[in-house]
Protein backbone atom coordinates (compact mmCIF):
# COMPACT_ATOMS: atom_id res chain seq x y z
CA UNK A 1 0.00 0.00 0.00
CA UNK A 2 1.37 3.43 -0.83
CA UNK A 3 2.00 6.26 1.62
CA UNK A 4 2.71 4.33 4.80
CA UNK A 5 4.87 7.15 6.14
CA UNK A 6 5.45 7.31 9.87
CA UNK A 7 8.20 8.12 12.33
CA UNK A 8 9.17 5.61 15.00
CA UNK A 9 11.80 5.41 17.72
CA UNK A 10 11.69 1.60 17.96
CA UNK A 11 10.69 -1.50 16.04
CA UNK A 12 7.75 -1.98 18.42
CA UNK A 13 6.50 1.54 17.67
CA UNK A 14 6.99 1.04 13.91
CA UNK A 15 4.99 -2.19 14.05
CA UNK A 16 2.11 -0.53 15.93
CA UNK A 17 2.00 2.41 13.54
CA UNK A 18 2.17 0.30 10.38
CA UNK A 19 -0.48 -2.12 11.66
CA UNK A 20 -2.77 0.82 12.44
CA UNK A 21 -2.38 2.09 8.86
CA UNK A 22 -3.18 -1.34 7.39
CA UNK A 23 -6.15 -1.87 9.72
CA UNK A 24 -7.59 1.52 8.73
CA UNK A 25 -7.29 0.71 5.01
CA UNK A 26 -8.47 -2.89 5.14
CA UNK A 27 -11.68 -4.80 5.67
CA UNK A 28 -9.76 -7.40 7.71
CA UNK A 29 -6.29 -8.14 9.05
CA UNK A 30 -5.27 -11.60 10.24
CA UNK A 31 -1.90 -12.41 11.79
CA UNK A 32 -0.23 -15.50 10.37
CA UNK A 33 2.93 -17.49 11.13
CA UNK A 34 6.04 -17.39 8.96
CA UNK A 35 5.50 -21.02 7.91
CA UNK A 36 2.03 -20.23 6.54
CA UNK A 37 3.39 -17.30 4.55
CA UNK A 38 6.21 -19.41 3.16
CA UNK A 39 3.78 -22.13 2.05
CA UNK A 40 1.79 -19.68 -0.07
CA UNK A 41 2.70 -20.51 -3.64
CA UNK A 42 2.16 -17.14 -5.22
CA UNK A 43 5.29 -15.17 -6.06
CA UNK A 44 6.54 -12.53 -3.68
CA UNK A 45 6.74 -8.87 -4.69
CA UNK A 46 8.76 -6.09 -3.11
CA UNK A 47 6.85 -3.00 -2.00
CA UNK A 48 7.69 0.03 -4.13
CA UNK A 49 8.27 2.19 -1.03
CA UNK A 50 11.09 0.00 0.34
CA UNK A 51 13.90 2.09 -1.14
CA UNK A 52 12.31 5.25 0.23
CA UNK A 53 11.95 3.72 3.71
CA UNK A 54 15.60 2.59 3.64
CA UNK A 55 16.68 6.15 2.76
CA UNK A 56 14.62 7.60 5.64
CA UNK A 57 16.15 5.25 8.24
CA UNK A 58 18.51 7.19 10.49
CA UNK A 59 17.51 10.53 8.96
CA UNK A 60 13.78 10.88 9.51
CA UNK A 61 13.05 7.83 11.64
CA UNK A 62 14.90 5.42 13.93
CA UNK A 63 12.88 2.39 12.79
CA UNK A 64 11.05 1.49 9.61
CA UNK A 65 9.71 -1.39 7.56
CA UNK A 66 10.72 -3.24 4.43
CA UNK A 67 7.61 -4.90 3.00
CA UNK A 68 7.01 -7.87 0.72
CA UNK A 69 3.67 -9.25 -0.38
CA UNK A 70 1.87 -12.03 -2.23
CA UNK A 71 -1.47 -11.66 -4.01
CA UNK A 72 -3.95 -14.32 -2.98
CA UNK A 73 -7.37 -15.46 -4.18
CA UNK A 74 -10.49 -13.35 -3.60
CA UNK A 75 -8.53 -10.10 -3.32
CA UNK A 76 -6.52 -10.97 -0.20
CA UNK A 77 -2.87 -10.00 0.17
CA UNK A 78 -0.32 -11.70 2.42
CA UNK A 79 2.46 -9.51 3.82
CA UNK A 80 5.92 -10.21 5.15
CA UNK A 81 7.22 -7.13 6.93
CA UNK A 82 10.82 -6.78 8.00
CA UNK A 83 11.20 -4.09 10.65
CA UNK A 84 14.68 -2.60 11.04
CA UNK A 85 16.13 0.07 13.29
CA UNK A 86 19.25 2.20 13.40
CA UNK A 87 20.84 -0.17 15.95
CA UNK A 88 20.77 -3.05 13.46
CA UNK A 89 17.89 -4.89 15.12
CA UNK A 90 15.40 -6.75 12.91
CA UNK A 91 12.00 -8.36 13.41
CA UNK A 92 9.63 -10.04 10.98
CA UNK A 93 5.85 -9.79 10.97
CA UNK A 94 3.33 -11.69 8.84
CA UNK A 95 -0.33 -11.00 8.15
CA UNK A 96 -3.07 -11.25 5.55
CA UNK A 97 -5.36 -8.35 4.70
CA UNK A 98 -8.46 -7.81 2.62
CA UNK A 99 -7.99 -4.28 1.22
CA UNK A 100 -10.95 -1.95 1.43
CA UNK A 101 -11.76 -1.01 -2.20
CA UNK A 102 -13.45 2.17 -0.98
CA UNK A 103 -10.39 3.45 0.87
CA UNK A 104 -9.11 6.66 -0.64
CA UNK A 105 -5.74 8.07 0.42
PDB file of N, CA and C in Angstrom:
ATOM      1  N   UNK A   1       0.847  -1.179   0.000  1.00  0.00           N
ATOM      2  CA  UNK A   1       0.000   0.000   0.000  1.00  0.00           C
ATOM      3  C   UNK A   1       0.891   1.239   0.000  1.00  0.00           C
ATOM      4  N   UNK A   2       0.549   2.220  -0.786  1.00  0.00           N
ATOM      5  CA  UNK A   2       1.375   3.426  -0.827  1.00  0.00           C
ATOM      6  C   UNK A   2       1.150   4.333   0.386  1.00  0.00           C
ATOM      7  N   UNK A   3       2.108   5.183   0.623  1.00  0.00           N
ATOM      8  CA  UNK A   3       2.002   6.255   1.621  1.00  0.00           C
ATOM      9  C   UNK A   3       1.929   5.789   3.064  1.00  0.00           C
ATOM     10  N   UNK A   4       2.672   4.760   3.412  1.00  0.00           N
ATOM     11  CA  UNK A   4       2.714   4.333   4.801  1.00  0.00           C
ATOM     12  C   UNK A   4       3.824   5.068   5.534  1.00  0.00           C
ATOM     13  N   UNK A   5       3.821   6.368   5.503  1.00  0.00           N
ATOM     14  CA  UNK A   5       4.871   7.153   6.142  1.00  0.00           C
ATOM     15  C   UNK A   5       4.566   7.354   7.620  1.00  0.00           C
ATOM     16  N   UNK A   6       5.564   7.101   8.430  1.00  0.00           N
ATOM     17  CA  UNK A   6       5.450   7.312   9.866  1.00  0.00           C
ATOM     18  C   UNK A   6       6.852   7.477  10.423  1.00  0.00           C
ATOM     19  N   UNK A   7       6.930   8.020  11.611  1.00  0.00           N
ATOM     20  CA  UNK A   7       8.199   8.125  12.330  1.00  0.00           C
ATOM     21  C   UNK A   7       8.095   7.237  13.556  1.00  0.00           C
ATOM     22  N   UNK A   8       9.172   6.510  13.847  1.00  0.00           N
ATOM     23  CA  UNK A   8       9.165   5.612  14.996  1.00  0.00           C
ATOM     24  C   UNK A   8      10.537   5.599  15.644  1.00  0.00           C
ATOM     25  N   UNK A   9      10.546   5.483  16.963  1.00  0.00           N
ATOM     26  CA  UNK A   9      11.797   5.411  17.720  1.00  0.00           C
ATOM     27  C   UNK A   9      12.240   3.978  17.987  1.00  0.00           C
ATOM     28  N   UNK A  10      11.354   3.008  17.701  1.00  0.00           N
ATOM     29  CA  UNK A  10      11.687   1.604  17.956  1.00  0.00           C
ATOM     30  C   UNK A  10      10.939   0.715  16.969  1.00  0.00           C
ATOM     31  N   UNK A  11      11.382  -0.530  16.889  1.00  0.00           N
ATOM     32  CA  UNK A  11      10.687  -1.501  16.045  1.00  0.00           C
ATOM     33  C   UNK A  11       9.262  -1.702  16.544  1.00  0.00           C
ATOM     34  N   UNK A  12       9.091  -1.790  17.842  1.00  0.00           N
ATOM     35  CA  UNK A  12       7.749  -1.978  18.418  1.00  0.00           C
ATOM     36  C   UNK A  12       6.815  -0.833  18.000  1.00  0.00           C
ATOM     37  N   UNK A  13       7.312   0.390  18.057  1.00  0.00           N
ATOM     38  CA  UNK A  13       6.499   1.536  17.666  1.00  0.00           C
ATOM     39  C   UNK A  13       6.207   1.508  16.160  1.00  0.00           C
ATOM     40  N   UNK A  14       7.191   1.137  15.361  1.00  0.00           N
ATOM     41  CA  UNK A  14       6.986   1.040  13.910  1.00  0.00           C
ATOM     42  C   UNK A  14       5.911   0.002  13.595  1.00  0.00           C
ATOM     43  N   UNK A  15       5.972  -1.133  14.268  1.00  0.00           N
ATOM     44  CA  UNK A  15       4.991  -2.189  14.047  1.00  0.00           C
ATOM     45  C   UNK A  15       3.583  -1.712  14.390  1.00  0.00           C
ATOM     46  N   UNK A  16       3.429  -1.047  15.521  1.00  0.00           N
ATOM     47  CA  UNK A  16       2.112  -0.533  15.930  1.00  0.00           C
ATOM     48  C   UNK A  16       1.585   0.473  14.920  1.00  0.00           C
ATOM     49  N   UNK A  17       2.445   1.371  14.483  1.00  0.00           N
ATOM     50  CA  UNK A  17       2.004   2.405  13.543  1.00  0.00           C
ATOM     51  C   UNK A  17       1.653   1.823  12.174  1.00  0.00           C
ATOM     52  N   UNK A  18       2.459   0.899  11.685  1.00  0.00           N
ATOM     53  CA  UNK A  18       2.166   0.305  10.381  1.00  0.00           C
ATOM     54  C   UNK A  18       0.896  -0.538  10.454  1.00  0.00           C
ATOM     55  N   UNK A  19       0.742  -1.314  11.505  1.00  0.00           N
ATOM     56  CA  UNK A  19      -0.477  -2.123  11.664  1.00  0.00           C
ATOM     57  C   UNK A  19      -1.721  -1.230  11.682  1.00  0.00           C
ATOM     58  N   UNK A  20      -1.629  -0.100  12.368  1.00  0.00           N
ATOM     59  CA  UNK A  20      -2.765   0.821  12.444  1.00  0.00           C
ATOM     60  C   UNK A  20      -3.139   1.326  11.046  1.00  0.00           C
ATOM     61  N   UNK A  21      -2.142   1.637  10.232  1.00  0.00           N
ATOM     62  CA  UNK A  21      -2.383   2.088   8.859  1.00  0.00           C
ATOM     63  C   UNK A  21      -3.084   0.992   8.065  1.00  0.00           C
ATOM     64  N   UNK A  22      -2.581  -0.232   8.144  1.00  0.00           N
ATOM     65  CA  UNK A  22      -3.179  -1.338   7.392  1.00  0.00           C
ATOM     66  C   UNK A  22      -4.584  -1.661   7.891  1.00  0.00           C
ATOM     67  N   UNK A  23      -4.813  -1.605   9.181  1.00  0.00           N
ATOM     68  CA  UNK A  23      -6.151  -1.867   9.720  1.00  0.00           C
ATOM     69  C   UNK A  23      -7.145  -0.813   9.244  1.00  0.00           C
ATOM     70  N   UNK A  24      -6.710   0.432   9.184  1.00  0.00           N
ATOM     71  CA  UNK A  24      -7.586   1.518   8.730  1.00  0.00           C
ATOM     72  C   UNK A  24      -7.973   1.341   7.266  1.00  0.00           C
ATOM     73  N   UNK A  25      -7.077   0.826   6.449  1.00  0.00           N
ATOM     74  CA  UNK A  25      -7.286   0.715   5.013  1.00  0.00           C
ATOM     75  C   UNK A  25      -7.810  -0.641   4.561  1.00  0.00           C
ATOM     76  N   UNK A  26      -8.083  -1.533   5.500  1.00  0.00           N
ATOM     77  CA  UNK A  26      -8.473  -2.891   5.144  1.00  0.00           C
ATOM     78  C   UNK A  26      -9.803  -3.287   5.769  1.00  0.00           C
ATOM     79  N   UNK A  27     -10.443  -4.246   5.126  1.00  0.00           N
ATOM     80  CA  UNK A  27     -11.675  -4.803   5.669  1.00  0.00           C
ATOM     81  C   UNK A  27     -11.360  -5.815   6.762  1.00  0.00           C
ATOM     82  N   UNK A  28     -10.174  -6.440   6.689  1.00  0.00           N
ATOM     83  CA  UNK A  28      -9.761  -7.402   7.707  1.00  0.00           C
ATOM     84  C   UNK A  28      -8.239  -7.491   7.727  1.00  0.00           C
ATOM     85  N   UNK A  29      -7.710  -7.895   8.882  1.00  0.00           N
ATOM     86  CA  UNK A  29      -6.288  -8.137   9.048  1.00  0.00           C
ATOM     87  C   UNK A  29      -6.149  -9.338   9.970  1.00  0.00           C
ATOM     88  N   UNK A  30      -5.467 -10.377   9.476  1.00  0.00           N
ATOM     89  CA  UNK A  30      -5.266 -11.604  10.242  1.00  0.00           C
ATOM     90  C   UNK A  30      -3.776 -11.893  10.361  1.00  0.00           C
ATOM     91  N   UNK A  31      -3.293 -12.031  11.580  1.00  0.00           N
ATOM     92  CA  UNK A  31      -1.899 -12.413  11.791  1.00  0.00           C
ATOM     93  C   UNK A  31      -1.715 -13.860  11.351  1.00  0.00           C
ATOM     94  N   UNK A  32      -0.560 -14.132  10.750  1.00  0.00           N
ATOM     95  CA  UNK A  32      -0.225 -15.500  10.368  1.00  0.00           C
ATOM     96  C   UNK A  32       1.213 -15.794  10.799  1.00  0.00           C
ATOM     97  N   UNK A  33       1.573 -17.050  10.793  1.00  0.00           N
ATOM     98  CA  UNK A  33       2.927 -17.491  11.129  1.00  0.00           C
ATOM     99  C   UNK A  33       3.796 -17.481   9.879  1.00  0.00           C
ATOM    100  N   UNK A  34       5.090 -17.398  10.067  1.00  0.00           N
ATOM    101  CA  UNK A  34       6.037 -17.392   8.956  1.00  0.00           C
ATOM    102  C   UNK A  34       5.864 -18.623   8.076  1.00  0.00           C
ATOM    103  N   UNK A  35       5.645 -19.786   8.679  1.00  0.00           N
ATOM    104  CA  UNK A  35       5.498 -21.020   7.905  1.00  0.00           C
ATOM    105  C   UNK A  35       4.302 -20.956   6.961  1.00  0.00           C
ATOM    106  N   UNK A  36       3.213 -20.355   7.408  1.00  0.00           N
ATOM    107  CA  UNK A  36       2.031 -20.232   6.541  1.00  0.00           C
ATOM    108  C   UNK A  36       2.344 -19.315   5.357  1.00  0.00           C
ATOM    109  N   UNK A  37       3.019 -18.213   5.628  1.00  0.00           N
ATOM    110  CA  UNK A  37       3.390 -17.296   4.549  1.00  0.00           C
ATOM    111  C   UNK A  37       4.285 -17.999   3.542  1.00  0.00           C
ATOM    112  N   UNK A  38       5.264 -18.721   4.032  1.00  0.00           N
ATOM    113  CA  UNK A  38       6.214 -19.410   3.157  1.00  0.00           C
ATOM    114  C   UNK A  38       5.542 -20.472   2.299  1.00  0.00           C
ATOM    115  N   UNK A  39       4.482 -21.088   2.798  1.00  0.00           N
ATOM    116  CA  UNK A  39       3.775 -22.127   2.055  1.00  0.00           C
ATOM    117  C   UNK A  39       2.908 -21.563   0.931  1.00  0.00           C
ATOM    118  N   UNK A  40       2.605 -20.284   0.985  1.00  0.00           N
ATOM    119  CA  UNK A  40       1.789 -19.683  -0.072  1.00  0.00           C
ATOM    120  C   UNK A  40       2.577 -19.723  -1.373  1.00  0.00           C
ATOM    121  N   UNK A  41       1.975 -20.257  -2.406  1.00  0.00           N
ATOM    122  CA  UNK A  41       2.697 -20.508  -3.643  1.00  0.00           C
ATOM    123  C   UNK A  41       2.857 -19.290  -4.549  1.00  0.00           C
ATOM    124  N   UNK A  42       2.057 -18.304  -4.359  1.00  0.00           N
ATOM    125  CA  UNK A  42       2.159 -17.136  -5.223  1.00  0.00           C
ATOM    126  C   UNK A  42       3.515 -16.467  -5.060  1.00  0.00           C
ATOM    127  N   UNK A  43       3.968 -15.810  -6.113  1.00  0.00           N
ATOM    128  CA  UNK A  43       5.287 -15.174  -6.065  1.00  0.00           C
ATOM    129  C   UNK A  43       5.263 -13.927  -5.177  1.00  0.00           C
ATOM    130  N   UNK A  44       6.406 -13.666  -4.591  1.00  0.00           N
ATOM    131  CA  UNK A  44       6.537 -12.534  -3.682  1.00  0.00           C
ATOM    132  C   UNK A  44       6.982 -11.299  -4.450  1.00  0.00           C
ATOM    133  N   UNK A  45       6.408 -10.160  -4.076  1.00  0.00           N
ATOM    134  CA  UNK A  45       6.738  -8.875  -4.688  1.00  0.00           C
ATOM    135  C   UNK A  45       7.301  -7.945  -3.620  1.00  0.00           C
ATOM    136  N   UNK A  46       8.188  -7.077  -4.030  1.00  0.00           N
ATOM    137  CA  UNK A  46       8.755  -6.087  -3.110  1.00  0.00           C
ATOM    138  C   UNK A  46       7.930  -4.808  -3.196  1.00  0.00           C
ATOM    139  N   UNK A  47       7.613  -4.237  -2.044  1.00  0.00           N
ATOM    140  CA  UNK A  47       6.851  -2.999  -2.003  1.00  0.00           C
ATOM    141  C   UNK A  47       7.655  -1.876  -2.640  1.00  0.00           C
ATOM    142  N   UNK A  48       7.004  -1.047  -3.411  1.00  0.00           N
ATOM    143  CA  UNK A  48       7.693   0.026  -4.133  1.00  0.00           C
ATOM    144  C   UNK A  48       8.250   1.107  -3.213  1.00  0.00           C
ATOM    145  N   UNK A  49       7.775   1.185  -1.975  1.00  0.00           N
ATOM    146  CA  UNK A  49       8.266   2.190  -1.026  1.00  0.00           C
ATOM    147  C   UNK A  49       9.511   1.740  -0.262  1.00  0.00           C
ATOM    148  N   UNK A  50       9.964   0.513  -0.447  1.00  0.00           N
ATOM    149  CA  UNK A  50      11.092   0.001   0.337  1.00  0.00           C
ATOM    150  C   UNK A  50      12.338   0.863   0.225  1.00  0.00           C
ATOM    151  N   UNK A  51      12.692   1.262  -0.976  1.00  0.00           N
ATOM    152  CA  UNK A  51      13.901   2.088  -1.143  1.00  0.00           C
ATOM    153  C   UNK A  51      13.758   3.424  -0.420  1.00  0.00           C
ATOM    154  N   UNK A  52      12.573   3.986  -0.444  1.00  0.00           N
ATOM    155  CA  UNK A  52      12.308   5.249   0.234  1.00  0.00           C
ATOM    156  C   UNK A  52      12.429   5.069   1.752  1.00  0.00           C
ATOM    157  N   UNK A  53      11.870   3.979   2.269  1.00  0.00           N
ATOM    158  CA  UNK A  53      11.954   3.717   3.708  1.00  0.00           C
ATOM    159  C   UNK A  53      13.403   3.505   4.136  1.00  0.00           C
ATOM    160  N   UNK A  54      14.184   2.813   3.322  1.00  0.00           N
ATOM    161  CA  UNK A  54      15.600   2.592   3.643  1.00  0.00           C
ATOM    162  C   UNK A  54      16.360   3.915   3.680  1.00  0.00           C
ATOM    163  N   UNK A  55      16.031   4.833   2.782  1.00  0.00           N
ATOM    164  CA  UNK A  55      16.683   6.149   2.761  1.00  0.00           C
ATOM    165  C   UNK A  55      16.306   6.981   3.982  1.00  0.00           C
ATOM    166  N   UNK A  56      15.098   6.838   4.484  1.00  0.00           N
ATOM    167  CA  UNK A  56      14.619   7.604   5.639  1.00  0.00           C
ATOM    168  C   UNK A  56      15.224   7.114   6.953  1.00  0.00           C
ATOM    169  N   UNK A  57      15.635   5.841   7.005  1.00  0.00           N
ATOM    170  CA  UNK A  57      16.151   5.250   8.237  1.00  0.00           C
ATOM    171  C   UNK A  57      17.420   5.978   8.685  1.00  0.00           C
ATOM    172  N   UNK A  58      17.379   6.472   9.926  1.00  0.00           N
ATOM    173  CA  UNK A  58      18.514   7.191  10.485  1.00  0.00           C
ATOM    174  C   UNK A  58      18.474   8.689  10.205  1.00  0.00           C
ATOM    175  N   UNK A  59      17.643   9.098   9.273  1.00  0.00           N
ATOM    176  CA  UNK A  59      17.508  10.526   8.956  1.00  0.00           C
ATOM    177  C   UNK A  59      16.186  11.077   9.485  1.00  0.00           C
ATOM    178  N   UNK A  60      15.103  10.423   9.113  1.00  0.00           N
ATOM    179  CA  UNK A  60      13.777  10.883   9.510  1.00  0.00           C
ATOM    180  C   UNK A  60      13.113   9.984  10.543  1.00  0.00           C
ATOM    181  N   UNK A  61      13.635   8.785  10.702  1.00  0.00           N
ATOM    182  CA  UNK A  61      13.050   7.829  11.638  1.00  0.00           C
ATOM    183  C   UNK A  61      14.141   6.877  12.145  1.00  0.00           C
ATOM    184  N   UNK A  62      13.936   6.361  13.355  1.00  0.00           N
ATOM    185  CA  UNK A  62      14.897   5.421  13.932  1.00  0.00           C
ATOM    186  C   UNK A  62      14.544   3.970  13.637  1.00  0.00           C
ATOM    187  N   UNK A  63      13.320   3.743  13.150  1.00  0.00           N
ATOM    188  CA  UNK A  63      12.876   2.393  12.791  1.00  0.00           C
ATOM    189  C   UNK A  63      11.899   2.497  11.631  1.00  0.00           C
ATOM    190  N   UNK A  64      11.934   1.488  10.770  1.00  0.00           N
ATOM    191  CA  UNK A  64      11.050   1.490   9.611  1.00  0.00           C
ATOM    192  C   UNK A  64      10.779   0.063   9.170  1.00  0.00           C
ATOM    193  N   UNK A  65      10.050  -0.064   8.071  1.00  0.00           N
ATOM    194  CA  UNK A  65       9.710  -1.386   7.555  1.00  0.00           C
ATOM    195  C   UNK A  65      10.174  -1.562   6.121  1.00  0.00           C
ATOM    196  N   UNK A  66      10.441  -2.811   5.795  1.00  0.00           N
ATOM    197  CA  UNK A  66      10.715  -3.239   4.434  1.00  0.00           C
ATOM    198  C   UNK A  66       9.650  -4.308   4.159  1.00  0.00           C
ATOM    199  N   UNK A  67       8.785  -4.048   3.192  1.00  0.00           N
ATOM    200  CA  UNK A  67       7.608  -4.900   2.996  1.00  0.00           C
ATOM    201  C   UNK A  67       7.683  -5.726   1.720  1.00  0.00           C
ATOM    202  N   UNK A  68       7.153  -6.941   1.836  1.00  0.00           N
ATOM    203  CA  UNK A  68       7.013  -7.868   0.716  1.00  0.00           C
ATOM    204  C   UNK A  68       5.593  -8.423   0.770  1.00  0.00           C
ATOM    205  N   UNK A  69       5.046  -8.775  -0.379  1.00  0.00           N
ATOM    206  CA  UNK A  69       3.665  -9.248  -0.377  1.00  0.00           C
ATOM    207  C   UNK A  69       3.422 -10.284  -1.469  1.00  0.00           C
ATOM    208  N   UNK A  70       2.326 -11.032  -1.263  1.00  0.00           N
ATOM    209  CA  UNK A  70       1.870 -12.033  -2.227  1.00  0.00           C
ATOM    210  C   UNK A  70       0.371 -11.824  -2.441  1.00  0.00           C
ATOM    211  N   UNK A  71      -0.043 -11.738  -3.700  1.00  0.00           N
ATOM    212  CA  UNK A  71      -1.467 -11.658  -4.015  1.00  0.00           C
ATOM    213  C   UNK A  71      -2.091 -13.031  -3.862  1.00  0.00           C
ATOM    214  N   UNK A  72      -3.233 -13.079  -3.212  1.00  0.00           N
ATOM    215  CA  UNK A  72      -3.947 -14.321  -2.979  1.00  0.00           C
ATOM    216  C   UNK A  72      -5.306 -14.289  -3.687  1.00  0.00           C
ATOM    217  N   UNK A  73      -6.030 -15.381  -3.601  1.00  0.00           N
ATOM    218  CA  UNK A  73      -7.369 -15.457  -4.181  1.00  0.00           C
ATOM    219  C   UNK A  73      -8.328 -14.522  -3.457  1.00  0.00           C
ATOM    220  N   UNK A  74      -9.388 -14.150  -4.157  1.00  0.00           N
ATOM    221  CA  UNK A  74     -10.492 -13.347  -3.600  1.00  0.00           C
ATOM    222  C   UNK A  74     -10.042 -11.984  -3.087  1.00  0.00           C
ATOM    223  N   UNK A  75      -8.956 -11.446  -3.646  1.00  0.00           N
ATOM    224  CA  UNK A  75      -8.526 -10.097  -3.318  1.00  0.00           C
ATOM    225  C   UNK A  75      -7.697  -9.949  -2.054  1.00  0.00           C
ATOM    226  N   UNK A  76      -7.338 -11.039  -1.408  1.00  0.00           N
ATOM    227  CA  UNK A  76      -6.522 -10.968  -0.203  1.00  0.00           C
ATOM    228  C   UNK A  76      -5.052 -10.778  -0.570  1.00  0.00           C
ATOM    229  N   UNK A  77      -4.305 -10.203   0.360  1.00  0.00           N
ATOM    230  CA  UNK A  77      -2.874 -10.000   0.169  1.00  0.00           C
ATOM    231  C   UNK A  77      -2.164 -10.441   1.453  1.00  0.00           C
ATOM    232  N   UNK A  78      -1.139 -11.259   1.289  1.00  0.00           N
ATOM    233  CA  UNK A  78      -0.318 -11.697   2.423  1.00  0.00           C
ATOM    234  C   UNK A  78       0.934 -10.826   2.466  1.00  0.00           C
ATOM    235  N   UNK A  79       1.297 -10.383   3.657  1.00  0.00           N
ATOM    236  CA  UNK A  79       2.456  -9.508   3.823  1.00  0.00           C
ATOM    237  C   UNK A  79       3.509 -10.152   4.704  1.00  0.00           C
ATOM    238  N   UNK A  80       4.757  -9.912   4.317  1.00  0.00           N
ATOM    239  CA  UNK A  80       5.924 -10.212   5.154  1.00  0.00           C
ATOM    240  C   UNK A  80       6.603  -8.868   5.359  1.00  0.00           C
ATOM    241  N   UNK A  81       6.631  -8.420   6.597  1.00  0.00           N
ATOM    242  CA  UNK A  81       7.223  -7.126   6.932  1.00  0.00           C
ATOM    243  C   UNK A  81       8.504  -7.362   7.719  1.00  0.00           C
ATOM    244  N   UNK A  82       9.565  -6.759   7.271  1.00  0.00           N
ATOM    245  CA  UNK A  82      10.823  -6.782   8.004  1.00  0.00           C
ATOM    246  C   UNK A  82      11.005  -5.402   8.625  1.00  0.00           C
ATOM    247  N   UNK A  83      10.961  -5.349   9.941  1.00  0.00           N
ATOM    248  CA  UNK A  83      11.205  -4.092  10.651  1.00  0.00           C
ATOM    249  C   UNK A  83      12.690  -4.003  10.961  1.00  0.00           C
ATOM    250  N   UNK A  84      13.263  -2.841  10.757  1.00  0.00           N
ATOM    251  CA  UNK A  84      14.678  -2.602  11.036  1.00  0.00           C
ATOM    252  C   UNK A  84      14.813  -1.290  11.793  1.00  0.00           C
ATOM    253  N   UNK A  85      15.874  -1.194  12.595  1.00  0.00           N
ATOM    254  CA  UNK A  85      16.131   0.066  13.287  1.00  0.00           C
ATOM    255  C   UNK A  85      17.585   0.481  13.098  1.00  0.00           C
ATOM    256  N   UNK A  86      17.908   1.639  13.589  1.00  0.00           N
ATOM    257  CA  UNK A  86      19.249   2.196  13.403  1.00  0.00           C
ATOM    258  C   UNK A  86      20.314   1.457  14.206  1.00  0.00           C
ATOM    259  N   UNK A  87      19.901   0.620  15.149  1.00  0.00           N
ATOM    260  CA  UNK A  87      20.837  -0.169  15.955  1.00  0.00           C
ATOM    261  C   UNK A  87      21.164  -1.506  15.291  1.00  0.00           C
ATOM    262  N   UNK A  88      20.532  -1.790  14.150  1.00  0.00           N
ATOM    263  CA  UNK A  88      20.771  -3.047  13.458  1.00  0.00           C
ATOM    264  C   UNK A  88      19.835  -4.172  13.859  1.00  0.00           C
ATOM    265  N   UNK A  89      18.861  -3.881  14.718  1.00  0.00           N
ATOM    266  CA  UNK A  89      17.885  -4.892  15.119  1.00  0.00           C
ATOM    267  C   UNK A  89      16.896  -5.139  13.990  1.00  0.00           C
ATOM    268  N   UNK A  90      16.365  -6.370  13.936  1.00  0.00           N
ATOM    269  CA  UNK A  90      15.402  -6.749  12.908  1.00  0.00           C
ATOM    270  C   UNK A  90      14.322  -7.623  13.525  1.00  0.00           C
ATOM    271  N   UNK A  91      13.109  -7.519  12.977  1.00  0.00           N
ATOM    272  CA  UNK A  91      11.996  -8.361  13.414  1.00  0.00           C
ATOM    273  C   UNK A  91      11.053  -8.550  12.242  1.00  0.00           C
ATOM    274  N   UNK A  92      10.569  -9.777  12.056  1.00  0.00           N
ATOM    275  CA  UNK A  92       9.626 -10.038  10.978  1.00  0.00           C
ATOM    276  C   UNK A  92       8.204 -10.112  11.515  1.00  0.00           C
ATOM    277  N   UNK A  93       7.262  -9.780  10.648  1.00  0.00           N
ATOM    278  CA  UNK A  93       5.845  -9.786  10.972  1.00  0.00           C
ATOM    279  C   UNK A  93       5.110 -10.307   9.743  1.00  0.00           C
ATOM    280  N   UNK A  94       4.080 -11.111   9.953  1.00  0.00           N
ATOM    281  CA  UNK A  94       3.332 -11.693   8.842  1.00  0.00           C
ATOM    282  C   UNK A  94       1.842 -11.516   9.079  1.00  0.00           C
ATOM    283  N   UNK A  95       1.122 -11.111   8.046  1.00  0.00           N
ATOM    284  CA  UNK A  95      -0.328 -10.998   8.154  1.00  0.00           C
ATOM    285  C   UNK A  95      -0.967 -11.019   6.773  1.00  0.00           C
ATOM    286  N   UNK A  96      -2.274 -11.255   6.774  1.00  0.00           N
ATOM    287  CA  UNK A  96      -3.073 -11.248   5.551  1.00  0.00           C
ATOM    288  C   UNK A  96      -4.142 -10.177   5.714  1.00  0.00           C
ATOM    289  N   UNK A  97      -4.316  -9.380   4.661  1.00  0.00           N
ATOM    290  CA  UNK A  97      -5.357  -8.354   4.696  1.00  0.00           C
ATOM    291  C   UNK A  97      -6.320  -8.543   3.537  1.00  0.00           C
ATOM    292  N   UNK A  98      -7.483  -7.971   3.702  1.00  0.00           N
ATOM    293  CA  UNK A  98      -8.456  -7.813   2.617  1.00  0.00           C
ATOM    294  C   UNK A  98      -8.583  -6.309   2.438  1.00  0.00           C
ATOM    295  N   UNK A  99      -7.935  -5.731   1.402  1.00  0.00           N
ATOM    296  CA  UNK A  99      -7.988  -4.278   1.220  1.00  0.00           C
ATOM    297  C   UNK A  99      -9.421  -3.771   1.062  1.00  0.00           C
ATOM    298  N   UNK A 100      -9.657  -2.595   1.582  1.00  0.00           N
ATOM    299  CA  UNK A 100     -10.951  -1.952   1.429  1.00  0.00           C
ATOM    300  C   UNK A 100     -10.962  -1.218   0.098  1.00  0.00           C
ATOM    301  N   UNK A 101     -11.760  -1.652  -0.880  1.00  0.00           N
ATOM    302  CA  UNK A 101     -11.761  -1.009  -2.198  1.00  0.00           C
ATOM    303  C   UNK A 101     -12.263   0.435  -2.159  1.00  0.00           C
ATOM    304  N   UNK A 102     -12.927   0.798  -1.094  1.00  0.00           N
ATOM    305  CA  UNK A 102     -13.455   2.165  -0.984  1.00  0.00           C
ATOM    306  C   UNK A 102     -12.480   3.112  -0.301  1.00  0.00           C
ATOM    307  N   UNK A 103     -11.350   2.576   0.199  1.00  0.00           N
ATOM    308  CA  UNK A 103     -10.391   3.450   0.872  1.00  0.00           C
ATOM    309  C   UNK A 103      -9.771   4.386  -0.140  1.00  0.00           C
ATOM    310  N   UNK A 104      -9.711   5.650   0.235  1.00  0.00           N
ATOM    311  CA  UNK A 104      -9.115   6.661  -0.644  1.00  0.00           C
ATOM    312  C   UNK A 104      -8.087   7.426   0.150  1.00  0.00           C
ATOM    313  N   UNK A 105      -6.847   7.386  -0.286  1.00  0.00           N
ATOM    314  CA  UNK A 105      -5.737   8.067   0.416  1.00  0.00           C
ATOM    315  C   UNK A 105      -6.006   9.535   0.556  1.00  0.00           C
TER     316      UNK A 105
END
